[in-house]
Protein backbone atom coordinates (compact mmCIF):
# COMPACT_ATOMS: atom_id res chain seq x y z
CA MET A 1 -2.30 -33.95 -3.04
CA PRO A 2 -0.88 -35.92 -0.08
CA GLU A 3 -1.55 -34.29 3.26
CA ARG A 4 2.18 -33.90 3.97
CA ASP A 5 2.63 -31.87 0.78
CA LYS A 6 -0.01 -29.28 1.58
CA LYS A 7 1.18 -25.70 1.77
CA SER A 8 0.46 -23.60 4.84
CA VAL A 9 -0.78 -20.03 4.97
CA TYR A 10 -0.81 -17.64 7.89
CA ILE A 11 -3.82 -15.31 8.06
CA ALA A 12 -3.42 -12.10 10.03
CA TYR A 13 -6.95 -10.91 10.71
CA THR A 14 -6.73 -7.23 11.59
CA GLY A 15 -10.42 -6.40 11.19
CA GLY A 16 -12.52 -4.89 8.44
CA THR A 17 -15.85 -5.55 6.82
CA ILE A 18 -15.02 -9.11 5.80
CA GLY A 19 -15.47 -10.46 9.33
CA MET A 20 -18.15 -8.12 10.68
CA ARG A 21 -21.68 -8.97 11.82
CA HIS A 22 -24.86 -7.00 12.27
CA GLY A 23 -24.95 -4.91 15.43
CA ARG A 24 -27.38 -2.38 16.84
CA GLN A 25 -25.80 0.47 14.92
CA GLY A 26 -24.70 -1.36 11.79
CA TYR A 27 -21.86 -3.71 10.94
CA GLU A 28 -19.36 -4.24 13.75
CA PRO A 29 -16.37 -6.53 14.44
CA ALA A 30 -16.92 -9.44 16.78
CA PRO A 31 -14.14 -11.63 18.23
CA GLY A 32 -14.22 -15.18 16.86
CA PHE A 33 -17.06 -14.48 14.44
CA LEU A 34 -15.07 -14.65 11.20
CA GLU A 35 -13.38 -17.94 12.06
CA ARG A 36 -16.77 -19.50 12.83
CA GLN A 37 -18.06 -18.28 9.46
CA MET A 38 -15.06 -19.77 7.68
CA GLU A 39 -15.58 -23.12 9.39
CA LYS A 40 -18.98 -23.26 7.68
CA LEU A 41 -17.41 -23.13 4.19
CA PRO A 42 -16.81 -26.71 2.95
CA VAL A 43 -14.55 -25.44 0.16
CA LEU A 44 -11.92 -24.39 2.70
CA TRP A 45 -11.58 -28.03 3.75
CA SER A 46 -11.02 -29.21 0.18
CA GLU A 47 -7.90 -31.20 -0.67
CA ASP A 48 -7.05 -28.45 -3.12
CA MET A 49 -6.88 -25.80 -0.42
CA PRO A 50 -3.86 -25.14 1.78
CA HIS A 51 -3.73 -25.44 5.51
CA TYR A 52 -4.33 -22.10 7.15
CA ARG A 53 -4.08 -20.62 10.59
CA ILE A 54 -5.93 -17.48 11.61
CA HIS A 55 -4.50 -15.08 14.14
CA GLU A 56 -7.16 -12.62 15.21
CA TYR A 57 -5.86 -9.28 16.37
CA ASP A 58 -7.06 -7.69 19.58
CA PRO A 59 -8.68 -5.30 19.17
CA LEU A 60 -10.12 -5.82 15.72
CA LEU A 61 -9.90 -2.52 13.89
CA ASP A 62 -12.01 -0.70 11.40
CA SER A 63 -9.28 0.22 8.92
CA SER A 64 -10.10 3.91 9.41
CA ASN A 65 -8.33 3.52 12.76
CA MET A 66 -5.14 2.02 11.31
CA SER A 67 -1.94 3.91 12.20
CA PRO A 68 1.80 3.49 11.53
CA ALA A 69 2.07 1.68 14.85
CA ASP A 70 -0.35 -0.93 13.49
CA TRP A 71 1.79 -1.32 10.35
CA VAL A 72 4.75 -2.13 12.59
CA LYS A 73 2.69 -4.59 14.66
CA LEU A 74 1.55 -6.36 11.51
CA GLY A 75 5.02 -6.45 10.01
CA ARG A 76 6.57 -7.81 13.20
CA ASP A 77 3.90 -10.51 13.35
CA ILE A 78 4.57 -11.70 9.80
CA MET A 79 8.34 -11.47 10.19
CA SER A 80 8.25 -13.59 13.35
CA ARG A 81 6.46 -16.36 11.41
CA TYR A 82 8.12 -15.85 8.05
CA HIS A 83 10.02 -19.14 7.99
CA SER A 84 7.07 -21.22 9.24
CA TYR A 85 4.59 -20.56 6.42
CA ASP A 86 4.57 -20.61 2.63
CA GLY A 87 2.54 -17.45 2.28
CA PHE A 88 0.65 -14.82 4.20
CA ILE A 89 -2.78 -13.19 4.00
CA VAL A 90 -3.74 -9.96 5.71
CA LEU A 91 -7.48 -9.52 6.21
CA HIS A 92 -7.97 -5.78 6.35
CA GLY A 93 -10.64 -3.15 5.84
CA THR A 94 -10.60 -1.70 2.34
CA ASP A 95 -10.59 1.99 3.31
CA THR A 96 -6.88 2.12 4.20
CA MET A 97 -5.78 -1.22 2.75
CA ALA A 98 -3.60 0.41 0.09
CA PHE A 99 -1.80 2.47 2.76
CA SER A 100 -1.00 -0.63 4.83
CA ALA A 101 0.03 -2.69 1.80
CA SER A 102 2.32 0.11 0.61
CA ALA A 103 3.85 0.55 4.06
CA LEU A 104 4.64 -3.16 4.42
CA SER A 105 6.15 -3.27 0.95
CA PHE A 106 8.74 -0.70 2.05
CA MET A 107 9.40 -2.26 5.46
CA PHE A 108 10.14 -5.72 4.02
CA ARG A 109 13.42 -6.02 2.12
CA ASN A 110 14.27 -9.08 0.02
CA LEU A 111 10.78 -10.49 0.42
CA GLY A 112 10.64 -13.99 -1.05
CA LYS A 113 7.07 -15.02 -0.22
CA PRO A 114 3.67 -13.52 -1.02
CA ILE A 115 1.92 -11.25 1.45
CA VAL A 116 -1.62 -10.84 0.10
CA PHE A 117 -3.94 -8.17 1.46
CA THR A 118 -7.63 -8.78 0.96
CA GLY A 119 -11.00 -7.83 2.40
CA SER A 120 -14.49 -7.23 1.12
CA GLN A 121 -17.25 -4.71 0.57
CA ILE A 122 -19.88 -7.07 2.05
CA PRO A 123 -19.25 -9.30 5.10
CA LEU A 124 -18.78 -13.04 4.73
CA CYS A 125 -21.87 -13.63 6.86
CA GLU A 126 -24.19 -12.18 4.22
CA VAL A 127 -25.86 -14.47 1.66
CA ARG A 128 -24.57 -12.32 -1.19
CA ASN A 129 -21.00 -11.18 -0.66
CA ASP A 130 -17.63 -10.67 -2.28
CA ALA A 131 -15.75 -11.96 0.75
CA ARG A 132 -15.91 -15.64 -0.17
CA GLU A 133 -14.19 -15.36 -3.55
CA ASN A 134 -11.63 -12.87 -2.30
CA LEU A 135 -10.71 -15.20 0.54
CA ILE A 136 -10.54 -18.37 -1.55
CA ALA A 137 -8.49 -16.79 -4.33
CA SER A 138 -6.12 -15.16 -1.83
CA LEU A 139 -5.50 -18.52 -0.13
CA LEU A 140 -4.72 -20.18 -3.45
CA ILE A 141 -2.43 -17.33 -4.50
CA ALA A 142 -0.59 -17.20 -1.18
CA ALA A 143 0.01 -20.96 -1.19
CA GLY A 144 0.43 -21.79 -4.84
CA HIS A 145 2.52 -19.08 -6.42
CA SER A 146 6.05 -17.77 -5.99
CA ILE A 147 5.29 -14.07 -5.67
CA PRO A 148 8.01 -12.11 -3.83
CA GLU A 149 5.78 -9.11 -3.21
CA VAL A 150 3.22 -7.45 -1.01
CA CYS A 151 0.05 -7.73 -3.09
CA LEU A 152 -3.59 -6.76 -2.90
CA PHE A 153 -6.39 -9.02 -4.14
CA VAL A 154 -9.91 -7.65 -4.44
CA GLY A 155 -12.59 -8.18 -7.08
CA HIS A 156 -10.73 -10.78 -9.23
CA GLN A 157 -7.54 -8.71 -9.63
CA LEU A 158 -4.14 -9.21 -8.00
CA LEU A 159 -2.37 -5.85 -7.80
CA ARG A 160 1.04 -4.80 -6.56
CA GLY A 161 0.30 -3.42 -3.11
CA ASN A 162 2.18 -0.15 -3.56
CA ARG A 163 0.57 0.43 -6.97
CA ALA A 164 -3.01 0.05 -5.77
CA THR A 165 -5.45 2.80 -4.87
CA LYS A 166 -9.08 2.59 -3.80
CA VAL A 167 -11.35 4.03 -6.48
CA SER A 168 -14.86 2.91 -5.50
CA ALA A 169 -16.89 2.78 -2.32
CA ASN A 170 -19.60 0.64 -3.92
CA ARG A 171 -18.19 -1.76 -6.51
CA PHE A 172 -16.64 -5.13 -5.73
CA LEU A 173 -13.75 -4.08 -7.99
CA ALA A 174 -12.89 -1.34 -5.50
CA PHE A 175 -9.21 -0.91 -6.37
CA SER A 176 -7.26 0.13 -9.41
CA SER A 177 -3.60 0.08 -10.39
CA PRO A 178 -3.61 2.98 -12.83
CA ASN A 179 0.09 3.04 -13.68
CA TYR A 180 1.06 -0.62 -13.55
CA PRO A 181 -0.79 -3.65 -14.96
CA PRO A 182 -2.32 -6.27 -12.64
CA LEU A 183 -0.02 -9.02 -11.43
CA GLY A 184 -2.80 -11.54 -11.99
CA GLU A 185 -6.48 -12.18 -12.58
CA ALA A 186 -8.94 -14.72 -11.24
CA GLY A 187 -11.29 -15.75 -14.02
CA VAL A 188 -11.95 -19.24 -15.32
CA ASP A 189 -8.26 -19.73 -14.59
CA LEU A 190 -6.15 -18.15 -11.87
CA ARG A 191 -3.49 -16.45 -13.95
CA ILE A 192 -0.29 -14.85 -12.62
CA HIS A 193 1.85 -12.73 -14.93
CA GLY A 194 5.36 -13.75 -14.00
CA ASP A 195 6.96 -11.12 -16.21
CA ARG A 196 5.34 -8.37 -14.14
CA LEU A 197 6.64 -9.59 -10.79
CA LEU A 198 9.70 -8.39 -8.94
CA SER A 199 12.65 -10.75 -9.10
CA LEU A 200 13.22 -13.31 -6.38
CA PRO A 201 15.77 -11.89 -3.93
CA GLU A 202 19.27 -13.24 -3.53
CA ALA A 203 19.69 -11.95 0.05
CA PRO A 204 17.78 -13.04 3.17
CA VAL A 205 14.55 -11.29 4.07
CA ALA A 206 14.83 -8.32 6.43
CA PHE A 207 12.32 -6.10 8.16
CA ASP A 208 12.98 -2.40 8.71
CA GLU A 209 10.62 -1.05 11.34
CA VAL A 210 9.34 2.44 10.81
CA GLY A 211 9.83 4.85 13.66
CA HIS A 212 8.09 8.19 14.02
CA ALA A 213 7.92 10.89 11.38
CA GLN A 214 5.77 13.97 10.93
CA VAL A 215 4.28 13.80 7.44
CA ALA A 216 1.11 15.04 5.78
CA ASP A 217 -0.38 15.72 2.37
CA LEU A 218 -2.10 18.70 0.83
CA ARG A 219 -4.22 18.97 -2.26
CA ILE A 220 -3.36 22.15 -4.15
CA PHE A 221 -6.51 24.08 -5.09
CA PRO A 222 -7.35 27.30 -6.95
CA GLY A 223 -7.00 30.29 -4.65
CA ILE A 224 -4.77 28.63 -2.07
CA THR A 225 -3.17 31.31 0.09
CA PRO A 226 0.37 31.55 1.43
CA GLU A 227 -1.10 31.64 4.96
CA THR A 228 -2.79 28.28 4.39
CA LEU A 229 0.37 26.79 2.94
CA GLU A 230 2.58 28.23 5.67
CA GLY A 231 0.30 26.91 8.38
CA PHE A 232 0.35 23.48 6.77
CA LEU A 233 4.15 23.36 6.45
CA ARG A 234 5.02 24.70 9.88
CA PRO A 235 7.22 22.71 12.31
CA PRO A 236 7.43 19.94 13.40
CA LEU A 237 6.48 18.76 9.90
CA GLN A 238 9.30 16.79 8.23
CA GLY A 239 7.75 15.93 4.90
CA ALA A 240 4.69 16.63 2.79
CA VAL A 241 3.08 15.25 -0.34
CA LEU A 242 1.81 18.09 -2.52
CA HIS A 243 -0.98 16.90 -4.81
CA THR A 244 -0.62 19.18 -7.81
CA TYR A 245 -2.37 19.60 -11.15
CA GLY A 246 -1.71 17.55 -14.26
CA VAL A 247 1.94 16.65 -14.71
CA GLY A 248 3.00 18.40 -11.52
CA ASN A 249 1.92 22.02 -11.83
CA ALA A 250 0.89 24.50 -9.15
CA PRO A 251 0.50 28.29 -9.00
CA ASP A 252 3.91 29.89 -9.50
CA ARG A 253 3.05 32.97 -7.47
CA PRO A 254 6.10 34.33 -5.64
CA ASP A 255 4.32 34.37 -2.25
CA LEU A 256 3.56 30.64 -2.47
CA LEU A 257 6.96 29.71 -3.82
CA GLU A 258 8.69 31.58 -1.02
CA VAL A 259 6.77 29.55 1.58
CA MET A 260 7.85 26.33 -0.12
CA ARG A 261 11.46 27.47 -0.40
CA ALA A 262 11.57 28.37 3.30
CA ALA A 263 10.16 24.96 4.28
CA SER A 264 12.59 23.14 2.01
CA ASP A 265 15.54 25.14 3.34
CA ARG A 266 14.78 24.08 6.90
CA GLY A 267 14.69 20.40 5.87
CA VAL A 268 11.07 19.68 5.00
CA VAL A 269 10.93 17.17 2.12
CA LEU A 270 8.29 18.30 -0.39
CA LEU A 271 7.09 15.58 -2.78
CA ASN A 272 5.19 16.45 -5.95
CA CYS A 273 2.43 14.00 -6.96
CA THR A 274 -0.34 14.51 -9.48
CA GLN A 275 -4.00 14.77 -8.53
CA CYS A 276 -4.81 12.74 -11.63
CA LEU A 277 -5.58 9.07 -11.18
CA GLU A 278 -3.36 8.10 -14.09
CA GLY A 279 -0.08 9.48 -15.38
CA SER A 280 3.18 10.82 -14.04
CA VAL A 281 4.70 14.05 -12.79
CA ARG A 282 6.98 15.72 -15.35
CA MET A 283 8.12 18.93 -13.72
CA ALA A 284 10.27 20.05 -16.65
CA ASP A 285 7.32 20.32 -19.05
CA TYR A 286 5.89 23.62 -17.82
CA VAL A 287 7.15 26.84 -16.27
CA THR A 288 4.96 26.19 -13.23
CA GLY A 289 6.51 22.76 -12.66
CA ASN A 290 10.02 24.11 -13.07
CA ALA A 291 9.23 26.81 -10.51
CA LEU A 292 8.41 24.12 -7.93
CA ARG A 293 11.64 22.28 -8.68
CA ASP A 294 13.62 25.49 -8.26
CA VAL A 295 12.40 25.89 -4.66
CA GLY A 296 13.28 22.33 -3.67
CA VAL A 297 10.16 20.29 -4.51
CA VAL A 298 11.05 16.80 -5.82
CA SER A 299 9.12 14.59 -8.21
CA GLY A 300 7.00 11.66 -7.08
CA TYR A 301 6.64 10.51 -10.70
CA ASP A 302 3.66 8.10 -10.85
CA LEU A 303 3.41 7.20 -7.15
CA THR A 304 -0.10 6.58 -5.86
CA PRO A 305 -1.18 8.87 -3.00
CA GLU A 306 -0.93 5.91 -0.62
CA ALA A 307 2.55 4.89 -1.76
CA ALA A 308 3.77 8.49 -1.72
CA LEU A 309 2.74 9.11 1.87
CA THR A 310 3.93 5.77 3.25
CA LYS A 311 7.23 5.91 1.37
CA LEU A 312 7.89 9.40 2.69
CA TYR A 313 7.00 8.26 6.21
CA PHE A 314 9.23 5.19 5.86
CA LEU A 315 12.31 7.07 4.68
CA LEU A 316 12.00 9.90 7.18
CA SER A 317 11.44 7.49 10.07
CA LEU A 318 14.79 5.84 9.29
CA GLY A 319 16.49 9.05 10.41
CA LEU A 320 18.02 9.77 7.01
CA ASP A 321 19.23 13.25 6.15
CA PRO A 322 16.63 15.25 4.16
CA GLU A 323 18.91 15.33 1.11
CA VAL A 324 19.19 11.55 1.21
CA VAL A 325 15.41 11.25 1.51
CA ARG A 326 14.96 13.58 -1.48
CA ALA A 327 17.17 11.29 -3.54
CA ARG A 328 15.71 8.00 -2.30
CA ILE A 329 12.10 9.10 -2.68
CA GLN A 330 12.69 9.40 -6.43
CA GLU A 331 14.22 5.92 -6.71
CA ASP A 332 12.29 2.73 -7.33
CA LEU A 333 12.70 0.74 -4.12
CA ARG A 334 9.96 -1.91 -4.39
CA GLY A 335 8.47 -1.49 -7.85
CA GLU A 336 6.33 1.43 -6.69
CA LEU A 337 7.23 3.98 -9.38
CA THR A 338 8.28 4.28 -12.98
CA HIS A 339 10.62 6.93 -14.28
CA PRO A 340 9.29 8.56 -17.47
CA ASP A 341 12.54 7.73 -19.30
CA ASP A 342 12.45 4.06 -18.30
CA ALA A 343 9.03 2.49 -18.70
CA THR A 344 10.25 -0.99 -17.75
CA ARG A 345 12.10 -0.19 -14.56
CA SER A 346 11.08 -2.28 -11.55
CA GLY A 347 14.27 -3.20 -9.71
CA ILE A 348 15.03 -3.00 -6.01
CA ILE A 349 17.53 -0.52 -4.63
CA SER A 350 19.05 -1.28 -1.24
CA LEU A 351 18.81 1.39 1.40
CA PRO A 352 21.89 2.33 3.42
């Protein structure tokens, strides 16, 4: 490939295991260390590889310390360089990678280029690691494929970012997309499933910054008391993800339902998501699910926990009325959910 035809990729290095080194108390980030390690990899200088530029964030963060403010910083950074690069890679710790990928998927409207999140379970500096293949494949994907999505590549699978959830602390294949098939796989061939991708946008890209919203999530458990629930839902909370049983069931005791009704009446958006890894909320199936709907709880269908929380945060931070949020949260904005009565739905709905 002639040098002038090479694609260019922007790498936003936020931190994470991939670029860490040994310190006195274990692995730790070190400024400049990852770039020096990458310079030692001859494959990155191959004619088949794109040009890349690394921007190292200061400070480098363990992803446990990621916050909504960091999502905004990352989104602004990519948006400011959007027209200068063919694709983007975000190097990120795996612990909260799915949260950040989901958040960016909602903040970017009409995305026409790939934003690929990747990281590793073992640092690049180690003799045996998963960082090398994740990095190489992500560079090839970001430069060589027309993918108008925020994606996540780890352990040979390319997943839609807002469909991914971390399922293992030990395996290289640390993420799963339980309710939507992978967008691609890296095997003998690097295969992208075009029929699973969102459509290329017709409008220019836009970036909606999230503001501030008070959201949280609660796992429903046997014996939960109204006092616990009331304390959790007290002001200034604006929205909450309720992780319920099965297809969206929870105890239908009057004392608990009254707490939920009171919260909903004062504007708290209550989103029902299943505790199960796979499957969807269907609140009409059981009396207990219908009882939640009757007090104002809305369905999250098959949203991952990460997508549910970040989508709720995104919508509430836009300053929308709670009733508007309740409607929008159940709509498919970026391919993040599937309605039970429409298994093929993956369109984009414009926000007001």
